[in-house]
Structure formats: structure tokens, C-alpha cells
N, C-alpha and C. Protein backbone atom coordinates (compact mmCIF):
# COMPACT_ATOMS: atom_id res chain seq x y z
N MET A 1 0.85 -1.22 -0.05
CA MET A 1 -0.04 -0.03 0.18
C MET A 1 0.90 1.32 -0.04
N GLU A 2 1.91 1.32 0.72
CA GLU A 2 3.05 2.39 0.73
C GLU A 2 3.39 2.91 -0.66
N LYS A 3 3.56 1.87 -1.74
CA LYS A 3 4.01 1.99 -2.78
C LYS A 3 2.90 2.87 -3.43
N GLN A 4 1.63 2.23 -3.31
CA GLN A 4 0.74 2.91 -4.25
C GLN A 4 0.46 4.34 -3.71
N THR A 5 0.53 4.59 -2.43
CA THR A 5 0.42 5.89 -1.73
C THR A 5 1.51 7.03 -2.28
N LYS A 6 2.62 6.48 -2.41
CA LYS A 6 3.66 7.28 -3.12
C LYS A 6 3.27 7.73 -4.42
N GLU A 7 2.80 6.59 -5.22
CA GLU A 7 2.54 6.98 -6.77
C GLU A 7 1.26 7.83 -6.67
N ILE A 8 0.22 7.84 -5.71
CA ILE A 8 -0.80 8.94 -5.65
C ILE A 8 -0.33 10.28 -5.43
N GLU A 9 0.66 10.10 -4.33
CA GLU A 9 1.20 11.40 -3.90
C GLU A 9 1.94 12.09 -5.16
N ASN A 10 2.49 11.24 -5.84
CA ASN A 10 3.37 11.76 -7.14
C ASN A 10 2.49 12.29 -8.27
N ILE A 11 1.34 11.91 -8.41
CA ILE A 11 0.47 12.23 -9.29
C ILE A 11 -0.13 13.63 -8.82
N LEU A 12 -0.59 13.55 -7.68
CA LEU A 12 -1.26 14.95 -7.04
C LEU A 12 -0.06 15.96 -6.98
N SER A 13 1.05 15.77 -6.80
CA SER A 13 1.84 16.93 -6.84
C SER A 13 2.21 17.51 -8.18
N LYS A 14 1.73 16.95 -9.10
CA LYS A 14 1.96 17.51 -10.41
C LYS A 14 0.66 18.41 -10.90
N ILE A 15 -0.42 18.38 -10.07
CA ILE A 15 -1.58 19.24 -10.20
C ILE A 15 -1.45 20.35 -9.30
N ASP A 16 -2.17 21.43 -9.62
CA ASP A 16 -2.42 22.72 -8.48
C ASP A 16 -3.26 22.30 -7.37
N GLU A 17 -3.11 23.03 -6.10
CA GLU A 17 -3.75 22.76 -5.03
C GLU A 17 -5.20 22.66 -5.12
N ASN A 18 -5.74 23.39 -5.56
CA ASN A 18 -7.34 23.43 -5.64
C ASN A 18 -7.60 22.21 -6.32
N THR A 19 -7.13 21.68 -7.46
CA THR A 19 -7.42 20.49 -8.28
C THR A 19 -6.77 19.31 -7.22
N GLN A 20 -5.98 19.51 -6.46
CA GLN A 20 -5.69 18.11 -5.56
C GLN A 20 -6.68 18.07 -4.54
N ILE A 21 -7.12 19.17 -3.94
CA ILE A 21 -8.34 19.02 -2.99
C ILE A 21 -9.42 18.56 -3.70
N LYS A 22 -9.93 18.93 -4.68
CA LYS A 22 -11.05 18.24 -5.79
C LYS A 22 -10.97 16.80 -5.71
N VAL A 23 -9.72 16.47 -5.99
CA VAL A 23 -9.53 15.03 -6.48
C VAL A 23 -9.63 14.33 -4.82
N ILE A 24 -9.06 14.70 -4.12
CA ILE A 24 -9.10 13.95 -2.60
C ILE A 24 -10.46 13.90 -2.27
N LEU A 25 -11.44 15.09 -2.32
CA LEU A 25 -12.77 15.00 -1.77
C LEU A 25 -13.39 14.15 -2.58
N GLU A 26 -13.33 14.18 -3.92
CA GLU A 26 -13.95 13.19 -4.80
C GLU A 26 -13.88 11.68 -4.46
N CYS A 27 -12.66 11.48 -4.23
CA CYS A 27 -12.35 10.10 -3.75
C CYS A 27 -13.17 9.75 -2.35
N ALA A 28 -12.93 10.75 -1.46
CA ALA A 28 -13.32 10.50 -0.16
C ALA A 28 -14.91 10.41 -0.15
N SER A 29 -15.57 11.23 -1.08
CA SER A 29 -16.95 10.98 -0.94
C SER A 29 -17.50 9.65 -1.59
N LYS A 30 -16.66 9.00 -2.43
CA LYS A 30 -17.24 7.78 -2.94
C LYS A 30 -16.78 6.57 -1.60
N ILE A 31 -15.81 6.85 -1.09
CA ILE A 31 -15.40 5.86 0.06
C ILE A 31 -16.33 5.92 1.24
N GLY A 32 -16.32 7.26 1.88
CA GLY A 32 -17.29 7.60 2.96
C GLY A 32 -16.84 6.98 4.33
N THR A 33 -15.82 6.39 4.69
CA THR A 33 -15.56 5.86 5.79
C THR A 33 -14.90 6.65 6.76
N LYS A 34 -15.01 6.95 8.07
CA LYS A 34 -14.13 7.49 9.04
C LYS A 34 -12.55 7.13 8.69
N GLU A 35 -12.27 6.02 8.84
CA GLU A 35 -10.73 5.66 8.36
C GLU A 35 -10.27 6.30 7.30
N TRP A 36 -11.13 6.24 6.13
CA TRP A 36 -10.50 6.92 4.89
C TRP A 36 -10.44 8.40 5.20
N LYS A 37 -11.30 9.11 5.80
CA LYS A 37 -11.16 10.60 5.98
C LYS A 37 -10.04 10.78 6.90
N GLU A 38 -9.74 10.05 7.84
CA GLU A 38 -8.33 10.34 8.65
C GLU A 38 -7.29 10.02 7.72
N ASP A 39 -7.33 9.00 7.00
CA ASP A 39 -5.97 8.82 6.08
C ASP A 39 -5.97 9.88 5.03
N ILE A 40 -6.96 10.64 4.48
CA ILE A 40 -6.75 11.68 3.39
C ILE A 40 -6.38 12.78 4.34
N ASP A 41 -6.80 13.18 5.51
CA ASP A 41 -6.17 14.03 6.42
C ASP A 41 -4.80 14.18 6.54
N ASN A 42 -4.21 12.82 6.82
CA ASN A 42 -2.86 12.58 6.93
C ASN A 42 -2.12 12.72 5.66
N LEU A 43 -2.64 12.62 4.68
CA LEU A 43 -2.00 12.51 3.51
C LEU A 43 -1.97 14.07 3.02
N MET A 44 -2.92 14.86 3.45
CA MET A 44 -2.90 16.25 3.07
C MET A 44 -1.91 17.20 4.11
N LYS A 45 -1.75 16.69 5.39
CA LYS A 45 -0.77 17.04 6.28
C LYS A 45 0.68 16.83 5.81
N ARG A 46 0.82 15.53 5.05
CA ARG A 46 2.16 15.08 4.82
C ARG A 46 2.47 15.92 3.56
N MET A 47 1.52 16.51 2.52
CA MET A 47 1.58 17.23 1.37
C MET A 47 1.62 18.41 1.77
N GLY A 48 1.70 19.00 2.87
CA GLY A 48 1.76 20.43 3.27
C GLY A 48 0.49 21.26 3.23
N MET A 49 -0.79 20.62 3.23
CA MET A 49 -1.96 21.20 2.79
C MET A 49 -2.60 21.41 3.54
N LYS A 50 -2.27 21.12 5.19
CA LYS A 50 -3.00 21.25 6.19
C LYS A 50 -2.33 21.88 7.36
């Protein structure tokens, strides 16, 4: 899973911040679990967006 996370971070790093947030929120709305939200929050922190 760590490899896939790095690949996703790499893809997101190539787009502007607003688009990154839209992509993340779209994914989160499709999954909708509390754990997913926590993981997204952690990803955003690591990307310096929070």
C-alpha cells in the first residue's frame, strides 16, 4: 500500500492545490468511511496542505 500511496502523492504533486483538494474530496466522498477521512487528512498534512 505504501508504494501505491507514493504513486498517488506523485500524481497529485503535479496538479495545482485546488485540483488536488477536489480529487481528494471526490475520492473521499465515494469511500465515505471514517478511516478513509483520517487517511486523507494525514495525506494532506504530509503534502503540506493542512
